[in-house]
């Protein structure tokens, strides 16, 4: 979505972090559109009982991002932080729903290729988050690759650039991580 605006987004992020409020105002529509596209994908992947709408997810993530004290390094860095932030929002929402409803209310998402898993069985996002945390303890890079691909929607080349590895390594990391995560989730 940001193909033509990549350089502009990076410049606006840098200017905004330097205190240029006008850059923040110009950046918001670009960022908001990208975040909404990611959130819409989550909504398609969520179990029908989930109540967190894409706009609510975007608004909460955007507020957390604006309040963060992160020195943005560009679009990919922003998307990586946005992916982690959206993941945190979804997990926080799922935990709150579990507290509100005894024995239920877990937000479910599918774990797979975002473009090709339209009919996949939903998975408990809290369990996915816990498994991703365990994977990060074992191999931080593989966990970040999963986060960038499945939560931020980055392609292999973008992930490779963000993690400073080759696209072939991204492919191997994601294959390993997906298998490892499925195994962990199956055990639960």
C-alpha atoms as a PDB file:
ATOM      1  CA  UNK A   1       0.000   0.000   0.000  1.00  0.00           C
ATOM      2  CA  UNK A   2       2.866   2.379   0.710  1.00  0.00           C
ATOM      3  CA  UNK A   3       4.832   1.543  -2.434  1.00  0.00           C
ATOM      4  CA  UNK A   4       4.809   5.097  -3.803  1.00  0.00           C
ATOM      5  CA  UNK A   5       5.013   6.692  -0.365  1.00  0.00           C
ATOM      6  CA  UNK A   6       7.850   4.645   1.188  1.00  0.00           C
ATOM      7  CA  UNK A   7      10.412   7.416   1.046  1.00  0.00           C
ATOM      8  CA  UNK A   8       7.852   9.996   2.096  1.00  0.00           C
ATOM      9  CA  UNK A   9       6.741   7.890   5.063  1.00  0.00           C
ATOM     10  CA  UNK A  10      10.321   7.482   6.253  1.00  0.00           C
ATOM     11  CA  UNK A  11      10.919  11.229   5.928  1.00  0.00           C
ATOM     12  CA  UNK A  12       7.670  12.044   7.720  1.00  0.00           C
ATOM     13  CA  UNK A  13       8.460   9.591  10.537  1.00  0.00           C
ATOM     14  CA  UNK A  14      11.883  11.173  10.988  1.00  0.00           C
ATOM     15  CA  UNK A  15      10.492  14.723  10.924  1.00  0.00           C
ATOM     16  CA  UNK A  16       7.681  13.797  13.300  1.00  0.00           C
ATOM     17  CA  UNK A  17      10.123  12.271  15.787  1.00  0.00           C
ATOM     18  CA  UNK A  18      12.138  15.500  15.562  1.00  0.00           C
ATOM     19  CA  UNK A  19       9.068  17.437  16.717  1.00  0.00           C
ATOM     20  CA  UNK A  20       7.518  18.533  13.403  1.00  0.00           C
ATOM     21  CA  UNK A  21       3.785  18.399  14.202  1.00  0.00           C
ATOM     22  CA  UNK A  22       2.849  19.099  10.562  1.00  0.00           C
ATOM     23  CA  UNK A  23       4.759  15.956   9.526  1.00  0.00           C
ATOM     24  CA  UNK A  24       2.710  13.973  12.047  1.00  0.00           C
ATOM     25  CA  UNK A  25      -0.500  15.343  10.550  1.00  0.00           C
ATOM     26  CA  UNK A  26       0.595  14.415   7.004  1.00  0.00           C
ATOM     27  CA  UNK A  27       1.770  11.002   8.200  1.00  0.00           C
ATOM     28  CA  UNK A  28      -1.417  10.001   9.986  1.00  0.00           C
ATOM     29  CA  UNK A  29      -3.573   9.234   6.899  1.00  0.00           C
ATOM     30  CA  UNK A  30      -0.783   7.116   5.392  1.00  0.00           C
ATOM     31  CA  UNK A  31      -0.139   5.221   8.610  1.00  0.00           C
ATOM     32  CA  UNK A  32      -3.811   4.875   9.445  1.00  0.00           C
ATOM     33  CA  UNK A  33      -4.586   3.369   6.032  1.00  0.00           C
ATOM     34  CA  UNK A  34      -1.808   0.789   6.397  1.00  0.00           C
ATOM     35  CA  UNK A  35      -2.818  -0.102   9.951  1.00  0.00           C
ATOM     36  CA  UNK A  36      -6.453  -0.437   8.885  1.00  0.00           C
ATOM     37  CA  UNK A  37      -5.484  -2.833   6.075  1.00  0.00           C
ATOM     38  CA  UNK A  38      -3.606  -5.000   8.590  1.00  0.00           C
ATOM     39  CA  UNK A  39      -6.510  -4.840  11.049  1.00  0.00           C
ATOM     40  CA  UNK A  40      -8.999  -5.758   8.322  1.00  0.00           C
ATOM     41  CA  UNK A  41      -6.936  -8.874   7.632  1.00  0.00           C
ATOM     42  CA  UNK A  42      -7.111  -9.744  11.329  1.00  0.00           C
ATOM     43  CA  UNK A  43     -10.892  -9.281  11.265  1.00  0.00           C
ATOM     44  CA  UNK A  44     -11.175 -11.685   8.333  1.00  0.00           C
ATOM     45  CA  UNK A  45      -9.042 -14.222  10.186  1.00  0.00           C
ATOM     46  CA  UNK A  46     -10.757 -13.915  13.562  1.00  0.00           C
ATOM     47  CA  UNK A  47     -13.392 -16.294  14.838  1.00  0.00           C
ATOM     48  CA  UNK A  48     -16.912 -14.969  14.206  1.00  0.00           C
ATOM     49  CA  UNK A  49     -17.497 -14.434  17.950  1.00  0.00           C
ATOM     50  CA  UNK A  50     -14.671 -11.920  18.278  1.00  0.00           C
ATOM     51  CA  UNK A  51     -15.847  -8.387  19.009  1.00  0.00           C
ATOM     52  CA  UNK A  52     -12.765  -6.263  18.339  1.00  0.00           C
ATOM     53  CA  UNK A  53     -13.503  -4.456  15.085  1.00  0.00           C
ATOM     54  CA  UNK A  54     -10.697  -3.330  12.735  1.00  0.00           C
ATOM     55  CA  UNK A  55     -11.320   0.351  13.451  1.00  0.00           C
ATOM     56  CA  UNK A  56     -11.123  -0.236  17.213  1.00  0.00           C
ATOM     57  CA  UNK A  57      -7.899  -2.215  16.766  1.00  0.00           C
ATOM     58  CA  UNK A  58      -6.393   0.528  14.596  1.00  0.00           C
ATOM     59  CA  UNK A  59      -7.427   3.284  16.979  1.00  0.00           C
ATOM     60  CA  UNK A  60      -5.978   1.530  20.021  1.00  0.00           C
ATOM     61  CA  UNK A  61      -2.755   0.597  18.196  1.00  0.00           C
ATOM     62  CA  UNK A  62      -2.378   4.122  16.801  1.00  0.00           C
ATOM     63  CA  UNK A  63      -2.818   5.676  20.253  1.00  0.00           C
ATOM     64  CA  UNK A  64      -0.188   3.344  21.682  1.00  0.00           C
ATOM     65  CA  UNK A  65       2.185   4.094  18.801  1.00  0.00           C
ATOM     66  CA  UNK A  66       1.745   7.854  19.132  1.00  0.00           C
ATOM     67  CA  UNK A  67       2.397   7.647  22.877  1.00  0.00           C
ATOM     68  CA  UNK A  68       5.492   5.467  22.427  1.00  0.00           C
ATOM     69  CA  UNK A  69       8.953   6.934  22.661  1.00  0.00           C
ATOM     70  CA  UNK A  70      10.464   5.086  19.709  1.00  0.00           C
ATOM     71  CA  UNK A  71      13.058   6.631  17.382  1.00  0.00           C
ATOM     72  CA  UNK A  72      11.453   5.527  14.094  1.00  0.00           C
ATOM     73  CA  UNK A  73      14.001   4.300  11.571  1.00  0.00           C
ATOM     74  CA  UNK A  74      11.603   4.184   8.645  1.00  0.00           C
ATOM     75  CA  UNK A  75       8.558   2.406   7.279  1.00  0.00           C
ATOM     76  CA  UNK A  76       9.719  -1.154   7.961  1.00  0.00           C
ATOM     77  CA  UNK A  77      10.689  -0.310  11.511  1.00  0.00           C
ATOM     78  CA  UNK A  78       7.360   1.407  12.027  1.00  0.00           C
ATOM     79  CA  UNK A  79       5.485  -1.625  10.660  1.00  0.00           C
ATOM     80  CA  UNK A  80       7.489  -3.957  12.898  1.00  0.00           C
ATOM     81  CA  UNK A  81       6.557  -1.902  15.960  1.00  0.00           C
ATOM     82  CA  UNK A  82       2.969  -1.603  14.687  1.00  0.00           C
ATOM     83  CA  UNK A  83       2.761  -5.388  14.299  1.00  0.00           C
ATOM     84  CA  UNK A  84       3.978  -5.914  17.843  1.00  0.00           C
ATOM     85  CA  UNK A  85       1.583  -3.220  19.086  1.00  0.00           C
ATOM     86  CA  UNK A  86      -1.407  -4.760  17.304  1.00  0.00           C
ATOM     87  CA  UNK A  87      -0.448  -8.149  18.669  1.00  0.00           C
ATOM     88  CA  UNK A  88      -0.356  -6.649  22.185  1.00  0.00           C
ATOM     89  CA  UNK A  89      -3.762  -4.981  21.652  1.00  0.00           C
ATOM     90  CA  UNK A  90      -5.302  -8.264  20.474  1.00  0.00           C
ATOM     91  CA  UNK A  91      -3.794 -10.193  23.379  1.00  0.00           C
ATOM     92  CA  UNK A  92      -4.858  -7.548  25.905  1.00  0.00           C
ATOM     93  CA  UNK A  93      -8.368  -7.587  24.457  1.00  0.00           C
ATOM     94  CA  UNK A  94      -8.516 -11.393  24.581  1.00  0.00           C
ATOM     95  CA  UNK A  95      -7.330 -11.445  28.184  1.00  0.00           C
ATOM     96  CA  UNK A  96      -9.883  -8.806  29.156  1.00  0.00           C
ATOM     97  CA  UNK A  97     -12.658 -10.818  27.521  1.00  0.00           C
ATOM     98  CA  UNK A  98     -11.507 -13.935  29.375  1.00  0.00           C
ATOM     99  CA  UNK A  99     -11.689 -12.022  32.650  1.00  0.00           C
ATOM    100  CA  UNK A 100     -15.135 -10.718  31.754  1.00  0.00           C
ATOM    101  CA  UNK A 101     -16.552 -14.053  30.704  1.00  0.00           C
ATOM    102  CA  UNK A 102     -15.651 -17.050  32.793  1.00  0.00           C
ATOM    103  CA  UNK A 103     -14.446 -19.843  30.538  1.00  0.00           C
ATOM    104  CA  UNK A 104     -14.852 -18.120  27.200  1.00  0.00           C
ATOM    105  CA  UNK A 105     -14.473 -15.088  25.052  1.00  0.00           C
ATOM    106  CA  UNK A 106     -11.027 -15.850  23.659  1.00  0.00           C
ATOM    107  CA  UNK A 107     -10.150 -14.012  20.451  1.00  0.00           C
ATOM    108  CA  UNK A 108      -9.199 -16.495  17.769  1.00  0.00           C
ATOM    109  CA  UNK A 109      -7.021 -15.939  14.713  1.00  0.00           C
ATOM    110  CA  UNK A 110      -5.630 -18.269  12.108  1.00  0.00           C
ATOM    111  CA  UNK A 111      -1.926 -18.948  12.010  1.00  0.00           C
ATOM    112  CA  UNK A 112      -0.852 -19.350   8.448  1.00  0.00           C
ATOM    113  CA  UNK A 113      -0.173 -17.437   5.295  1.00  0.00           C
ATOM    114  CA  UNK A 114      -2.423 -14.382   5.504  1.00  0.00           C
ATOM    115  CA  UNK A 115      -3.147 -14.544   1.777  1.00  0.00           C
ATOM    116  CA  UNK A 116      -4.031 -18.242   1.531  1.00  0.00           C
ATOM    117  CA  UNK A 117      -5.533 -19.448   4.806  1.00  0.00           C
ATOM    118  CA  UNK A 118      -9.075 -18.139   4.402  1.00  0.00           C
ATOM    119  CA  UNK A 119     -10.693 -21.397   5.565  1.00  0.00           C
ATOM    120  CA  UNK A 120      -8.237 -22.400   8.290  1.00  0.00           C
ATOM    121  CA  UNK A 121      -9.353 -23.303  11.798  1.00  0.00           C
ATOM    122  CA  UNK A 122      -9.083 -20.437  14.297  1.00  0.00           C
ATOM    123  CA  UNK A 123      -6.419 -20.539  17.006  1.00  0.00           C
ATOM    124  CA  UNK A 124      -6.517 -18.878  20.418  1.00  0.00           C
ATOM    125  CA  UNK A 125      -4.455 -15.676  20.145  1.00  0.00           C
ATOM    126  CA  UNK A 126      -3.344 -15.906  23.775  1.00  0.00           C
ATOM    127  CA  UNK A 127      -1.909 -19.361  23.059  1.00  0.00           C
ATOM    128  CA  UNK A 128      -0.237 -18.022  19.904  1.00  0.00           C
ATOM    129  CA  UNK A 129       1.226 -15.118  21.869  1.00  0.00           C
ATOM    130  CA  UNK A 130       2.548 -17.458  24.567  1.00  0.00           C
ATOM    131  CA  UNK A 131       4.069 -19.757  21.948  1.00  0.00           C
ATOM    132  CA  UNK A 132       5.656 -16.782  20.148  1.00  0.00           C
ATOM    133  CA  UNK A 133       7.180 -15.620  23.430  1.00  0.00           C
ATOM    134  CA  UNK A 134       8.661 -19.107  23.944  1.00  0.00           C
ATOM    135  CA  UNK A 135       9.997 -19.102  20.377  1.00  0.00           C
ATOM    136  CA  UNK A 136      11.587 -15.680  20.988  1.00  0.00           C
ATOM    137  CA  UNK A 137      13.425 -17.149  23.981  1.00  0.00           C
ATOM    138  CA  UNK A 138      14.838 -19.861  21.709  1.00  0.00           C
ATOM    139  CA  UNK A 139      15.337 -17.836  18.520  1.00  0.00           C
ATOM    140  CA  UNK A 140      14.464 -14.133  18.539  1.00  0.00           C
ATOM    141  CA  UNK A 141      14.957 -13.722  14.775  1.00  0.00           C
ATOM    142  CA  UNK A 142      12.466 -16.451  13.884  1.00  0.00           C
ATOM    143  CA  UNK A 143       9.893 -14.966  16.260  1.00  0.00           C
ATOM    144  CA  UNK A 144      10.383 -11.499  14.724  1.00  0.00           C
ATOM    145  CA  UNK A 145      10.035 -12.972  11.213  1.00  0.00           C
ATOM    146  CA  UNK A 146       6.688 -14.503  12.222  1.00  0.00           C
ATOM    147  CA  UNK A 147       5.552 -11.224  13.740  1.00  0.00           C
ATOM    148  CA  UNK A 148       6.549  -9.221  10.669  1.00  0.00           C
ATOM    149  CA  UNK A 149       4.911 -11.645   8.251  1.00  0.00           C
ATOM    150  CA  UNK A 150       1.705 -12.590  10.031  1.00  0.00           C
ATOM    151  CA  UNK A 151       1.060  -9.479  12.110  1.00  0.00           C
ATOM    152  CA  UNK A 152       2.464  -6.728   9.856  1.00  0.00           C
ATOM    153  CA  UNK A 153       1.872  -8.415   6.506  1.00  0.00           C
ATOM    154  CA  UNK A 154       5.416  -7.827   5.215  1.00  0.00           C
ATOM    155  CA  UNK A 155       6.596  -9.967   2.324  1.00  0.00           C
ATOM    156  CA  UNK A 156       9.818 -12.017   2.372  1.00  0.00           C
ATOM    157  CA  UNK A 157      11.926  -9.271   0.788  1.00  0.00           C
ATOM    158  CA  UNK A 158      10.701  -6.671   3.287  1.00  0.00           C
ATOM    159  CA  UNK A 159      11.322  -9.026   6.208  1.00  0.00           C
ATOM    160  CA  UNK A 160      14.777  -9.832   4.849  1.00  0.00           C
ATOM    161  CA  UNK A 161      15.599  -6.132   4.690  1.00  0.00           C
ATOM    162  CA  UNK A 162      14.167  -5.439   8.158  1.00  0.00           C
ATOM    163  CA  UNK A 163      16.099  -8.322   9.751  1.00  0.00           C
ATOM    164  CA  UNK A 164      19.215  -7.948   7.578  1.00  0.00           C
ATOM    165  CA  UNK A 165      19.022 -11.516   6.252  1.00  0.00           C
ATOM    166  CA  UNK A 166      18.343 -13.063   2.848  1.00  0.00           C
ATOM    167  CA  UNK A 167      14.830 -13.846   1.568  1.00  0.00           C
ATOM    168  CA  UNK A 168      15.836 -17.531   1.483  1.00  0.00           C
ATOM    169  CA  UNK A 169      16.673 -17.340   5.191  1.00  0.00           C
ATOM    170  CA  UNK A 170      13.299 -15.681   5.826  1.00  0.00           C
ATOM    171  CA  UNK A 171      11.618 -18.575   4.015  1.00  0.00           C
ATOM    172  CA  UNK A 172      13.505 -21.162   6.103  1.00  0.00           C
ATOM    173  CA  UNK A 173      12.867 -19.260   9.330  1.00  0.00           C
ATOM    174  CA  UNK A 174       9.137 -18.996   8.650  1.00  0.00           C
ATOM    175  CA  UNK A 175       8.850 -22.673   7.681  1.00  0.00           C
ATOM    176  CA  UNK A 176      10.632 -23.704  10.866  1.00  0.00           C
ATOM    177  CA  UNK A 177       8.684 -21.254  13.056  1.00  0.00           C
ATOM    178  CA  UNK A 178       5.303 -22.256  11.642  1.00  0.00           C
ATOM    179  CA  UNK A 179       6.041 -25.923  12.246  1.00  0.00           C
ATOM    180  CA  UNK A 180       7.380 -25.223  15.742  1.00  0.00           C
ATOM    181  CA  UNK A 181       4.390 -23.042  16.640  1.00  0.00           C
ATOM    182  CA  UNK A 182       1.871 -25.600  15.397  1.00  0.00           C
ATOM    183  CA  UNK A 183       3.624 -28.242  17.483  1.00  0.00           C
ATOM    184  CA  UNK A 184       3.512 -25.997  20.573  1.00  0.00           C
ATOM    185  CA  UNK A 185      -0.150 -25.129  20.023  1.00  0.00           C
ATOM    186  CA  UNK A 186      -1.051 -28.779  19.496  1.00  0.00           C
ATOM    187  CA  UNK A 187       0.520 -29.616  22.880  1.00  0.00           C
ATOM    188  CA  UNK A 188      -1.750 -27.102  24.606  1.00  0.00           C
END
